[in-house]
Amino acid sequence: MRGIDLEKEFDFYKAKYLDEKSSIESILLSKDINDLFKDIERLRKKELIKFERLEQSYIDKIDRLEMENIKLNKEICEKDKSIKKILNGMIQILDEVDELKELLEERNDLKGLKAFNKTFKKINKKVNYIGLERIKTISEQFNEDVHYCVEVIEGNEEENETIVEEVKSGYCYKGNIIRESRVVVIKNEGEI
C-alpha cells in the first residue's frame, strides 16, 4: 500500500477550494457589478428625465419670450406710426407758421413780425426739445440725403451746388429724415 502524500493532497484541496472560492467571489463580484450598472442606468434615466423637463422648461420660456418680443415689436411699430402721424401733423402746422411769416413779411407788418418772431422762438424751442429739427438749407451744400432739388439756377457768385433758396422746410426726428427740404441750387456756368 502506498502512503498518502499529505502535501500533494493539501495542495489539491487548497487549489480546488480557492478555485471554488474565487468562482464564488467572481459570481458575487459579477452580481455587484451588474447591480452597479443597474443603479447607474436608473440614475442616468432619472437624470435624463430631469434634463428633459429642464429642457422643456427652457423651451417654454423661450416660446413665451418670443411671443412677448413679437407683441412688443407690434407695439413699437404702432407707436412709431403714431409718432410719425403726430410729427407729420406738427410739420403741417410749422408749414402754416412759415406761410404766416411770409405773409407778414410781404405786408411789411413790423409789429406783427416782432410778435411772430417771439412766438416762433418758443415754438422752435419746444419742437427741438421733442427731437424734431429743421434741416439746414440756405448757404449749405446740396446733400441728396436731406435735400430735394426743385430748381437749378445758373450763377457764379456762390460755390457750385450751394443752396440759395428753401422752397419748403425739411425735418428730421432723432437723426431720421421725416421730410426732405425742397431747395433751389446754384450750378456755376460750365458745370451744368
N, C-alpha and C. Protein backbone atom coordinates (compact mmCIF):
# COMPACT_ATOMS: atom_id res chain seq x y z
N MET A 1 0.85 -1.17 0.00
CA MET A 1 0.00 0.00 0.00
C MET A 1 0.88 1.22 0.00
N ARG A 2 0.38 1.98 -0.72
CA ARG A 2 1.14 3.21 -0.85
C ARG A 2 0.73 4.18 0.21
N GLY A 3 1.61 5.05 0.54
CA GLY A 3 1.31 6.06 1.55
C GLY A 3 0.70 7.31 0.92
N ILE A 4 -0.07 8.03 1.68
CA ILE A 4 -0.73 9.27 1.21
C ILE A 4 0.28 10.40 1.34
N ASP A 5 0.38 11.09 0.23
CA ASP A 5 1.27 12.26 0.24
C ASP A 5 0.43 13.45 0.68
N LEU A 6 0.53 13.79 1.94
CA LEU A 6 -0.29 14.85 2.54
C LEU A 6 -0.05 16.20 1.87
N GLU A 7 1.13 16.41 1.51
CA GLU A 7 1.44 17.71 0.91
C GLU A 7 0.72 17.85 -0.43
N LYS A 8 0.71 16.78 -1.22
CA LYS A 8 0.02 16.82 -2.50
C LYS A 8 -1.47 16.98 -2.30
N GLU A 9 -2.01 16.24 -1.36
CA GLU A 9 -3.45 16.31 -1.07
C GLU A 9 -3.82 17.72 -0.61
N PHE A 10 -3.00 18.29 0.23
CA PHE A 10 -3.26 19.64 0.73
C PHE A 10 -3.28 20.63 -0.43
N ASP A 11 -2.29 20.52 -1.31
CA ASP A 11 -2.22 21.42 -2.46
C ASP A 11 -3.44 21.25 -3.36
N PHE A 12 -3.89 19.99 -3.56
CA PHE A 12 -5.04 19.70 -4.40
C PHE A 12 -6.29 20.36 -3.83
N TYR A 13 -6.57 20.14 -2.55
CA TYR A 13 -7.78 20.71 -1.93
C TYR A 13 -7.69 22.23 -1.81
N LYS A 14 -6.47 22.67 -1.57
CA LYS A 14 -6.26 24.12 -1.46
C LYS A 14 -6.60 24.77 -2.81
N ALA A 15 -6.09 24.20 -3.92
CA ALA A 15 -6.36 24.75 -5.24
C ALA A 15 -7.84 24.66 -5.56
N LYS A 16 -8.46 23.51 -5.24
CA LYS A 16 -9.87 23.31 -5.51
C LYS A 16 -10.70 24.30 -4.70
N TYR A 17 -10.38 24.42 -3.43
CA TYR A 17 -11.12 25.31 -2.55
C TYR A 17 -10.96 26.76 -3.01
N LEU A 18 -9.74 27.14 -3.34
CA LEU A 18 -9.50 28.51 -3.79
C LEU A 18 -10.22 28.78 -5.11
N ASP A 19 -10.22 27.78 -6.01
CA ASP A 19 -10.93 27.97 -7.28
C ASP A 19 -12.42 28.16 -7.04
N GLU A 20 -12.99 27.34 -6.13
CA GLU A 20 -14.40 27.48 -5.80
C GLU A 20 -14.66 28.82 -5.14
N LYS A 21 -13.73 29.18 -4.23
CA LYS A 21 -13.88 30.46 -3.52
C LYS A 21 -13.80 31.61 -4.51
N SER A 22 -12.82 31.56 -5.41
CA SER A 22 -12.69 32.66 -6.37
C SER A 22 -13.86 32.65 -7.35
N SER A 23 -14.41 31.46 -7.65
CA SER A 23 -15.60 31.42 -8.51
C SER A 23 -16.77 32.08 -7.79
N ILE A 24 -16.91 31.76 -6.53
CA ILE A 24 -17.98 32.39 -5.73
C ILE A 24 -17.75 33.88 -5.66
N GLU A 25 -16.51 34.28 -5.42
CA GLU A 25 -16.21 35.71 -5.36
C GLU A 25 -16.46 36.35 -6.72
N SER A 26 -16.11 35.65 -7.79
CA SER A 26 -16.36 36.18 -9.14
C SER A 26 -17.85 36.35 -9.38
N ILE A 27 -18.62 35.36 -8.94
CA ILE A 27 -20.08 35.45 -9.10
C ILE A 27 -20.62 36.61 -8.30
N LEU A 28 -20.16 36.72 -7.05
CA LEU A 28 -20.63 37.83 -6.21
C LEU A 28 -20.19 39.17 -6.79
N LEU A 29 -18.95 39.22 -7.24
CA LEU A 29 -18.43 40.44 -7.83
C LEU A 29 -19.20 40.79 -9.11
N SER A 30 -19.48 39.78 -9.90
CA SER A 30 -20.25 39.98 -11.12
C SER A 30 -21.64 40.50 -10.80
N LYS A 31 -22.24 39.93 -9.74
CA LYS A 31 -23.57 40.38 -9.31
C LYS A 31 -23.50 41.83 -8.83
N ASP A 32 -22.46 42.16 -8.06
CA ASP A 32 -22.28 43.53 -7.59
C ASP A 32 -22.11 44.50 -8.77
N ILE A 33 -21.32 44.06 -9.75
CA ILE A 33 -21.11 44.91 -10.93
C ILE A 33 -22.41 45.10 -11.68
N ASN A 34 -23.19 44.03 -11.84
CA ASN A 34 -24.49 44.14 -12.51
C ASN A 34 -25.41 45.07 -11.74
N ASP A 35 -25.41 44.95 -10.41
CA ASP A 35 -26.22 45.84 -9.58
C ASP A 35 -25.77 47.29 -9.75
N LEU A 36 -24.46 47.49 -9.81
CA LEU A 36 -23.93 48.84 -10.02
C LEU A 36 -24.38 49.39 -11.38
N PHE A 37 -24.29 48.57 -12.42
CA PHE A 37 -24.73 49.01 -13.75
C PHE A 37 -26.21 49.35 -13.74
N LYS A 38 -27.01 48.54 -13.04
CA LYS A 38 -28.44 48.83 -12.95
C LYS A 38 -28.68 50.14 -12.22
N ASP A 39 -27.94 50.36 -11.11
CA ASP A 39 -28.06 51.62 -10.37
C ASP A 39 -27.66 52.81 -11.25
N ILE A 40 -26.55 52.62 -11.97
CA ILE A 40 -26.08 53.69 -12.85
C ILE A 40 -27.12 53.98 -13.93
N GLU A 41 -27.69 52.96 -14.52
CA GLU A 41 -28.70 53.12 -15.57
C GLU A 41 -29.95 53.80 -15.01
N ARG A 42 -30.36 53.40 -13.80
CA ARG A 42 -31.51 54.01 -13.15
C ARG A 42 -31.24 55.50 -12.89
N LEU A 43 -30.06 55.81 -12.38
CA LEU A 43 -29.69 57.21 -12.13
C LEU A 43 -29.61 58.00 -13.44
N ARG A 44 -29.05 57.37 -14.48
CA ARG A 44 -28.95 58.03 -15.78
C ARG A 44 -30.33 58.37 -16.32
N LYS A 45 -31.26 57.42 -16.21
CA LYS A 45 -32.63 57.67 -16.68
C LYS A 45 -33.30 58.77 -15.87
N LYS A 46 -33.06 58.74 -14.56
CA LYS A 46 -33.64 59.75 -13.67
C LYS A 46 -33.09 61.14 -14.05
N GLU A 47 -31.78 61.23 -14.27
CA GLU A 47 -31.16 62.50 -14.65
C GLU A 47 -31.62 62.93 -16.03
N LEU A 48 -31.79 61.97 -16.93
CA LEU A 48 -32.26 62.27 -18.28
C LEU A 48 -33.67 62.87 -18.22
N ILE A 49 -34.51 62.31 -17.37
CA ILE A 49 -35.87 62.84 -17.20
C ILE A 49 -35.81 64.26 -16.65
N LYS A 50 -34.94 64.50 -15.65
CA LYS A 50 -34.76 65.85 -15.10
C LYS A 50 -34.30 66.81 -16.20
N PHE A 51 -33.31 66.35 -16.97
CA PHE A 51 -32.78 67.18 -18.05
C PHE A 51 -33.86 67.50 -19.08
N GLU A 52 -34.65 66.50 -19.46
CA GLU A 52 -35.72 66.72 -20.45
C GLU A 52 -36.75 67.71 -19.92
N ARG A 53 -37.07 67.60 -18.63
CA ARG A 53 -38.02 68.55 -18.02
C ARG A 53 -37.43 69.96 -18.03
N LEU A 54 -36.15 70.06 -17.67
CA LEU A 54 -35.47 71.35 -17.65
C LEU A 54 -35.41 71.93 -19.07
N GLU A 55 -35.08 71.06 -20.02
CA GLU A 55 -35.02 71.49 -21.42
C GLU A 55 -36.39 72.00 -21.88
N GLN A 56 -37.45 71.28 -21.54
CA GLN A 56 -38.80 71.70 -21.92
C GLN A 56 -39.16 73.02 -21.25
N SER A 57 -38.72 73.17 -20.01
CA SER A 57 -38.97 74.41 -19.28
C SER A 57 -38.31 75.58 -20.02
N TYR A 58 -37.06 75.38 -20.47
CA TYR A 58 -36.37 76.43 -21.21
C TYR A 58 -37.04 76.69 -22.56
N ILE A 59 -37.47 75.65 -23.22
CA ILE A 59 -38.17 75.81 -24.50
C ILE A 59 -39.45 76.61 -24.30
N ASP A 60 -40.19 76.30 -23.22
CA ASP A 60 -41.42 77.04 -22.92
C ASP A 60 -41.11 78.51 -22.65
N LYS A 61 -40.04 78.76 -21.88
CA LYS A 61 -39.66 80.15 -21.59
C LYS A 61 -39.26 80.88 -22.86
N ILE A 62 -38.51 80.21 -23.72
CA ILE A 62 -38.10 80.82 -24.99
C ILE A 62 -39.33 81.14 -25.84
N ASP A 63 -40.28 80.22 -25.89
CA ASP A 63 -41.52 80.45 -26.65
C ASP A 63 -42.27 81.67 -26.10
N ARG A 64 -42.37 81.74 -24.76
CA ARG A 64 -43.06 82.89 -24.14
C ARG A 64 -42.33 84.19 -24.47
N LEU A 65 -40.99 84.16 -24.38
CA LEU A 65 -40.21 85.36 -24.68
C LEU A 65 -40.35 85.77 -26.15
N GLU A 66 -40.39 84.79 -27.04
CA GLU A 66 -40.58 85.11 -28.45
C GLU A 66 -41.95 85.74 -28.68
N MET A 67 -42.96 85.23 -28.02
CA MET A 67 -44.30 85.81 -28.15
C MET A 67 -44.32 87.24 -27.60
N GLU A 68 -43.67 87.43 -26.45
CA GLU A 68 -43.59 88.78 -25.87
C GLU A 68 -42.84 89.71 -26.81
N ASN A 69 -41.76 89.20 -27.42
CA ASN A 69 -40.98 90.00 -28.35
C ASN A 69 -41.82 90.41 -29.56
N ILE A 70 -42.59 89.49 -30.09
CA ILE A 70 -43.48 89.80 -31.21
C ILE A 70 -44.49 90.86 -30.80
N LYS A 71 -45.06 90.69 -29.61
CA LYS A 71 -46.04 91.65 -29.11
C LYS A 71 -45.41 93.03 -28.93
N LEU A 72 -44.20 93.07 -28.35
CA LEU A 72 -43.51 94.35 -28.15
C LEU A 72 -43.17 95.00 -29.49
N ASN A 73 -42.73 94.19 -30.46
CA ASN A 73 -42.41 94.75 -31.77
C ASN A 73 -43.65 95.36 -32.42
N LYS A 74 -44.81 94.71 -32.26
CA LYS A 74 -46.06 95.26 -32.79
C LYS A 74 -46.38 96.59 -32.10
N GLU A 75 -46.22 96.61 -30.77
CA GLU A 75 -46.49 97.84 -30.02
C GLU A 75 -45.56 98.96 -30.46
N ILE A 76 -44.27 98.62 -30.63
CA ILE A 76 -43.30 99.62 -31.06
C ILE A 76 -43.66 100.14 -32.45
N CYS A 77 -44.04 99.23 -33.33
CA CYS A 77 -44.42 99.61 -34.69
C CYS A 77 -45.63 100.54 -34.67
N GLU A 78 -46.62 100.20 -33.84
CA GLU A 78 -47.81 101.04 -33.72
C GLU A 78 -47.46 102.41 -33.14
N LYS A 79 -46.57 102.42 -32.13
CA LYS A 79 -46.16 103.70 -31.54
C LYS A 79 -45.38 104.53 -32.55
N ASP A 80 -44.51 103.86 -33.34
CA ASP A 80 -43.77 104.58 -34.38
C ASP A 80 -44.72 105.21 -35.39
N LYS A 81 -45.77 104.46 -35.77
CA LYS A 81 -46.76 105.01 -36.70
C LYS A 81 -47.46 106.22 -36.08
N SER A 82 -47.80 106.10 -34.79
CA SER A 82 -48.47 107.21 -34.10
C SER A 82 -47.54 108.42 -34.02
N ILE A 83 -46.28 108.17 -33.71
CA ILE A 83 -45.31 109.27 -33.62
C ILE A 83 -45.17 109.94 -34.98
N LYS A 84 -45.10 109.14 -36.06
CA LYS A 84 -44.99 109.72 -37.40
C LYS A 84 -46.20 110.57 -37.74
N LYS A 85 -47.40 110.09 -37.37
CA LYS A 85 -48.61 110.88 -37.62
C LYS A 85 -48.54 112.21 -36.88
N ILE A 86 -48.13 112.15 -35.62
CA ILE A 86 -48.03 113.37 -34.81
C ILE A 86 -46.99 114.31 -35.42
N LEU A 87 -45.82 113.75 -35.79
CA LEU A 87 -44.76 114.58 -36.38
C LEU A 87 -45.22 115.21 -37.69
N ASN A 88 -45.89 114.43 -38.54
CA ASN A 88 -46.39 114.99 -39.80
C ASN A 88 -47.42 116.08 -39.55
N GLY A 89 -48.25 115.90 -38.53
CA GLY A 89 -49.21 116.95 -38.15
C GLY A 89 -48.49 118.21 -37.67
N MET A 90 -47.44 118.02 -36.88
CA MET A 90 -46.66 119.17 -36.41
C MET A 90 -45.98 119.88 -37.58
N ILE A 91 -45.47 119.09 -38.53
CA ILE A 91 -44.80 119.68 -39.69
C ILE A 91 -45.79 120.50 -40.51
N GLN A 92 -47.02 120.02 -40.65
CA GLN A 92 -48.05 120.80 -41.36
C GLN A 92 -48.31 122.12 -40.64
N ILE A 93 -48.36 122.07 -39.32
CA ILE A 93 -48.56 123.30 -38.54
C ILE A 93 -47.37 124.24 -38.75
N LEU A 94 -46.15 123.69 -38.72
CA LEU A 94 -44.96 124.51 -38.93
C LEU A 94 -44.94 125.11 -40.33
N ASP A 95 -45.45 124.37 -41.33
CA ASP A 95 -45.57 124.92 -42.69
C ASP A 95 -46.51 126.13 -42.69
N GLU A 96 -47.61 126.01 -41.97
CA GLU A 96 -48.56 127.13 -41.88
C GLU A 96 -47.94 128.31 -41.15
N VAL A 97 -47.13 128.03 -40.14
CA VAL A 97 -46.42 129.10 -39.41
C VAL A 97 -45.46 129.80 -40.37
N ASP A 98 -44.74 129.02 -41.21
CA ASP A 98 -43.84 129.62 -42.20
C ASP A 98 -44.61 130.50 -43.19
N GLU A 99 -45.79 130.03 -43.62
CA GLU A 99 -46.62 130.82 -44.54
C GLU A 99 -47.07 132.12 -43.88
N LEU A 100 -47.39 132.05 -42.59
CA LEU A 100 -47.79 133.25 -41.85
C LEU A 100 -46.64 134.25 -41.82
N LYS A 101 -45.43 133.75 -41.59
CA LYS A 101 -44.26 134.62 -41.56
C LYS A 101 -44.07 135.30 -42.91
N GLU A 102 -44.19 134.53 -44.01
CA GLU A 102 -44.05 135.09 -45.35
C GLU A 102 -45.10 136.18 -45.60
N LEU A 103 -46.32 135.92 -45.15
CA LEU A 103 -47.40 136.90 -45.32
C LEU A 103 -47.09 138.19 -44.57
N LEU A 104 -46.61 138.05 -43.32
CA LEU A 104 -46.26 139.24 -42.53
C LEU A 104 -45.11 140.01 -43.18
N GLU A 105 -44.16 139.27 -43.76
CA GLU A 105 -43.03 139.93 -44.44
C GLU A 105 -43.50 140.64 -45.70
N GLU A 106 -44.40 140.00 -46.46
CA GLU A 106 -44.94 140.62 -47.68
C GLU A 106 -45.69 141.91 -47.36
N ARG A 107 -46.43 141.91 -46.28
CA ARG A 107 -47.22 143.09 -45.87
C ARG A 107 -46.36 144.11 -45.14
N ASN A 108 -45.11 143.71 -44.89
CA ASN A 108 -44.18 144.59 -44.17
C ASN A 108 -44.75 144.99 -42.80
N ASP A 109 -45.39 144.04 -42.14
CA ASP A 109 -46.00 144.26 -40.82
C ASP A 109 -44.94 144.04 -39.74
N LEU A 110 -44.23 145.11 -39.42
CA LEU A 110 -43.12 145.00 -38.46
C LEU A 110 -43.59 144.63 -37.07
N LYS A 111 -44.71 145.19 -36.65
CA LYS A 111 -45.24 144.87 -35.32
C LYS A 111 -45.66 143.40 -35.25
N GLY A 112 -46.35 142.96 -36.30
CA GLY A 112 -46.77 141.55 -36.37
C GLY A 112 -45.57 140.61 -36.44
N LEU A 113 -44.53 141.01 -37.20
CA LEU A 113 -43.31 140.19 -37.32
C LEU A 113 -42.59 140.08 -35.99
N LYS A 114 -42.58 141.17 -35.24
CA LYS A 114 -41.91 141.15 -33.93
C LYS A 114 -42.61 140.16 -33.00
N ALA A 115 -43.93 140.23 -32.95
CA ALA A 115 -44.71 139.31 -32.11
C ALA A 115 -44.55 137.87 -32.62
N PHE A 116 -44.58 137.75 -33.95
CA PHE A 116 -44.43 136.42 -34.55
C PHE A 116 -43.09 135.80 -34.16
N ASN A 117 -42.00 136.56 -34.32
CA ASN A 117 -40.66 136.04 -34.03
C ASN A 117 -40.53 135.60 -32.57
N LYS A 118 -41.16 136.34 -31.68
CA LYS A 118 -41.13 135.98 -30.26
C LYS A 118 -41.82 134.62 -30.05
N THR A 119 -42.99 134.48 -30.65
CA THR A 119 -43.75 133.23 -30.54
C THR A 119 -43.04 132.09 -31.27
N PHE A 120 -42.46 132.43 -32.44
CA PHE A 120 -41.78 131.40 -33.23
C PHE A 120 -40.58 130.81 -32.48
N LYS A 121 -39.87 131.64 -31.74
CA LYS A 121 -38.73 131.15 -30.95
C LYS A 121 -39.19 130.13 -29.91
N LYS A 122 -40.32 130.42 -29.28
CA LYS A 122 -40.87 129.49 -28.28
C LYS A 122 -41.29 128.17 -28.93
N ILE A 123 -41.96 128.30 -30.07
CA ILE A 123 -42.40 127.10 -30.80
C ILE A 123 -41.18 126.26 -31.19
N ASN A 124 -40.18 126.93 -31.76
CA ASN A 124 -38.96 126.24 -32.19
C ASN A 124 -38.27 125.53 -31.03
N LYS A 125 -38.24 126.18 -29.88
CA LYS A 125 -37.61 125.60 -28.69
C LYS A 125 -38.33 124.30 -28.30
N LYS A 126 -39.65 124.34 -28.29
CA LYS A 126 -40.44 123.14 -27.93
C LYS A 126 -40.28 122.04 -28.97
N VAL A 127 -40.29 122.43 -30.24
CA VAL A 127 -40.15 121.46 -31.32
C VAL A 127 -38.78 120.77 -31.23
N ASN A 128 -37.73 121.56 -31.00
CA ASN A 128 -36.38 120.98 -30.86
C ASN A 128 -36.28 120.11 -29.62
N TYR A 129 -36.98 120.49 -28.57
CA TYR A 129 -36.95 119.73 -27.32
C TYR A 129 -37.45 118.29 -27.52
N ILE A 130 -38.48 118.14 -28.33
CA ILE A 130 -39.01 116.78 -28.55
C ILE A 130 -38.20 116.00 -29.59
N GLY A 131 -37.21 116.66 -30.22
CA GLY A 131 -36.33 115.95 -31.15
C GLY A 131 -36.59 116.22 -32.61
N LEU A 132 -37.56 117.08 -32.92
CA LEU A 132 -37.85 117.43 -34.31
C LEU A 132 -36.99 118.63 -34.68
N GLU A 133 -36.17 118.47 -35.72
CA GLU A 133 -35.24 119.54 -36.10
C GLU A 133 -35.45 119.92 -37.56
N ARG A 134 -35.34 121.21 -37.80
CA ARG A 134 -35.41 121.73 -39.17
C ARG A 134 -34.06 121.48 -39.84
N ILE A 135 -34.09 120.98 -41.06
CA ILE A 135 -32.85 120.71 -41.79
C ILE A 135 -32.29 122.03 -42.32
N LYS A 136 -31.00 122.24 -42.11
CA LYS A 136 -30.36 123.48 -42.57
C LYS A 136 -30.29 123.46 -44.09
N THR A 137 -30.51 124.66 -44.67
CA THR A 137 -30.53 124.72 -46.13
C THR A 137 -29.71 125.88 -46.69
N ILE A 138 -30.13 127.11 -46.43
CA ILE A 138 -29.53 128.28 -47.07
C ILE A 138 -28.03 128.32 -46.81
N SER A 139 -27.27 128.48 -47.92
CA SER A 139 -25.80 128.54 -47.94
C SER A 139 -25.14 127.20 -47.63
N GLU A 140 -25.92 126.15 -47.49
CA GLU A 140 -25.37 124.80 -47.27
C GLU A 140 -25.12 124.14 -48.62
N GLN A 141 -24.24 123.16 -48.63
CA GLN A 141 -24.01 122.36 -49.83
C GLN A 141 -25.18 121.39 -50.00
N PHE A 142 -25.61 121.22 -51.23
CA PHE A 142 -26.71 120.29 -51.52
C PHE A 142 -26.30 118.87 -51.12
N ASN A 143 -27.19 118.20 -50.40
CA ASN A 143 -26.97 116.81 -49.97
C ASN A 143 -28.24 116.04 -50.30
N GLU A 144 -28.14 115.12 -51.25
CA GLU A 144 -29.34 114.41 -51.72
C GLU A 144 -29.99 113.56 -50.63
N ASP A 145 -29.29 113.30 -49.54
CA ASP A 145 -29.88 112.53 -48.45
C ASP A 145 -30.91 113.34 -47.66
N VAL A 146 -30.73 114.67 -47.64
CA VAL A 146 -31.63 115.50 -46.83
C VAL A 146 -32.31 116.61 -47.63
N HIS A 147 -31.85 116.85 -48.87
CA HIS A 147 -32.41 117.91 -49.70
C HIS A 147 -33.00 117.33 -50.98
N TYR A 148 -34.05 117.98 -51.45
CA TYR A 148 -34.64 117.61 -52.74
C TYR A 148 -34.60 118.87 -53.61
N CYS A 149 -33.89 118.78 -54.73
CA CYS A 149 -33.72 119.94 -55.60
C CYS A 149 -34.96 120.11 -56.48
N VAL A 150 -35.62 121.27 -56.36
CA VAL A 150 -36.79 121.55 -57.19
C VAL A 150 -36.43 122.46 -58.36
N GLU A 151 -35.26 123.13 -58.25
CA GLU A 151 -34.85 124.03 -59.33
C GLU A 151 -33.34 124.22 -59.26
N VAL A 152 -32.73 124.34 -60.46
CA VAL A 152 -31.30 124.64 -60.56
C VAL A 152 -31.18 125.96 -61.30
N ILE A 153 -30.41 126.89 -60.73
CA ILE A 153 -30.19 128.17 -61.41
C ILE A 153 -28.70 128.36 -61.65
N GLU A 154 -28.40 129.15 -62.70
CA GLU A 154 -27.00 129.44 -63.01
C GLU A 154 -26.52 130.58 -62.15
N GLY A 155 -25.25 130.53 -61.84
CA GLY A 155 -24.65 131.61 -61.07
C GLY A 155 -23.18 131.37 -60.88
N ASN A 156 -22.46 132.45 -60.58
CA ASN A 156 -21.03 132.35 -60.35
C ASN A 156 -20.65 132.91 -58.99
N GLU A 157 -21.61 133.48 -58.29
CA GLU A 157 -21.30 134.14 -57.03
C GLU A 157 -21.15 133.16 -55.87
N GLU A 158 -21.79 132.03 -55.98
CA GLU A 158 -21.76 131.01 -54.91
C GLU A 158 -20.99 129.79 -55.39
N GLU A 159 -20.55 128.99 -54.45
CA GLU A 159 -19.88 127.73 -54.78
C GLU A 159 -20.89 126.80 -55.46
N ASN A 160 -20.39 125.98 -56.35
CA ASN A 160 -21.25 125.04 -57.08
C ASN A 160 -22.05 124.17 -56.11
N GLU A 161 -23.33 123.93 -56.42
CA GLU A 161 -24.27 123.11 -55.63
C GLU A 161 -24.57 123.70 -54.25
N THR A 162 -24.48 125.02 -54.14
CA THR A 162 -24.87 125.69 -52.90
C THR A 162 -26.36 125.97 -52.95
N ILE A 163 -27.02 125.79 -51.83
CA ILE A 163 -28.46 126.05 -51.75
C ILE A 163 -28.66 127.54 -51.56
N VAL A 164 -29.49 128.14 -52.44
CA VAL A 164 -29.73 129.58 -52.37
C VAL A 164 -31.14 129.92 -51.93
N GLU A 165 -32.03 128.93 -51.96
CA GLU A 165 -33.41 129.20 -51.55
C GLU A 165 -34.05 127.92 -51.01
N GLU A 166 -34.84 128.10 -49.98
CA GLU A 166 -35.61 126.98 -49.44
C GLU A 166 -37.06 127.17 -49.84
N VAL A 167 -37.58 126.24 -50.61
CA VAL A 167 -38.97 126.32 -51.06
C VAL A 167 -39.88 125.76 -49.98
N LYS A 168 -39.47 124.67 -49.36
CA LYS A 168 -40.24 124.06 -48.28
C LYS A 168 -39.25 123.45 -47.29
N SER A 169 -39.50 123.69 -46.01
CA SER A 169 -38.59 123.19 -44.97
C SER A 169 -38.64 121.68 -44.86
N GLY A 170 -37.49 121.11 -44.55
CA GLY A 170 -37.39 119.68 -44.29
C GLY A 170 -37.13 119.46 -42.81
N TYR A 171 -37.48 118.27 -42.34
CA TYR A 171 -37.33 117.99 -40.90
C TYR A 171 -36.77 116.58 -40.68
N CYS A 172 -36.04 116.45 -39.58
CA CYS A 172 -35.60 115.13 -39.15
C CYS A 172 -35.96 114.96 -37.67
N TYR A 173 -36.17 113.72 -37.30
CA TYR A 173 -36.53 113.39 -35.93
C TYR A 173 -35.53 112.37 -35.41
N LYS A 174 -34.78 112.79 -34.41
CA LYS A 174 -33.75 111.92 -33.80
C LYS A 174 -32.84 111.31 -34.86
N GLY A 175 -32.43 112.16 -35.82
CA GLY A 175 -31.49 111.72 -36.85
C GLY A 175 -32.12 111.07 -38.07
N ASN A 176 -33.41 110.80 -38.04
CA ASN A 176 -34.11 110.18 -39.18
C ASN A 176 -34.87 111.24 -39.96
N ILE A 177 -34.71 111.20 -41.27
CA ILE A 177 -35.38 112.19 -42.13
C ILE A 177 -36.88 111.90 -42.15
N ILE A 178 -37.67 112.93 -41.80
CA ILE A 178 -39.12 112.83 -41.87
C ILE A 178 -39.59 113.39 -43.22
N ARG A 179 -39.00 114.54 -43.60
CA ARG A 179 -39.30 115.12 -44.90
C ARG A 179 -38.06 115.87 -45.38
N GLU A 180 -37.69 115.64 -46.65
CA GLU A 180 -36.54 116.33 -47.22
C GLU A 180 -36.89 117.80 -47.44
N SER A 181 -35.88 118.66 -47.36
CA SER A 181 -36.06 120.08 -47.68
C SER A 181 -36.16 120.23 -49.19
N ARG A 182 -37.12 121.05 -49.65
CA ARG A 182 -37.25 121.36 -51.08
C ARG A 182 -36.43 122.63 -51.30
N VAL A 183 -35.44 122.55 -52.22
CA VAL A 183 -34.49 123.66 -52.33
C VAL A 183 -34.18 124.03 -53.78
N VAL A 184 -33.62 125.25 -53.92
CA VAL A 184 -33.10 125.74 -55.20
C VAL A 184 -31.58 125.76 -55.06
N VAL A 185 -30.90 125.20 -56.08
CA VAL A 185 -29.45 125.02 -56.01
C VAL A 185 -28.77 125.79 -57.14
N ILE A 186 -27.59 126.34 -56.83
CA ILE A 186 -26.76 127.04 -57.81
C ILE A 186 -25.90 126.03 -58.56
N LYS A 187 -25.84 126.21 -59.88
CA LYS A 187 -24.87 125.48 -60.71
C LYS A 187 -24.08 126.55 -61.45
N ASN A 188 -22.78 126.54 -61.27
CA ASN A 188 -21.93 127.53 -61.95
C ASN A 188 -21.90 127.25 -63.45
N GLU A 189 -21.70 128.31 -64.22
CA GLU A 189 -21.64 128.17 -65.67
C GLU A 189 -20.56 127.16 -66.02
N GLY A 190 -20.83 126.34 -67.00
CA GLY A 190 -19.87 125.32 -67.42
C GLY A 190 -20.00 124.05 -66.60
N GLU A 191 -20.70 124.06 -65.49
CA GLU A 191 -20.88 122.89 -64.62
C GLU A 191 -22.20 122.18 -64.92
N ILE A 192 -23.09 122.88 -65.65
CA ILE A 192 -24.42 122.32 -65.89
C ILE A 192 -24.36 121.24 -66.93
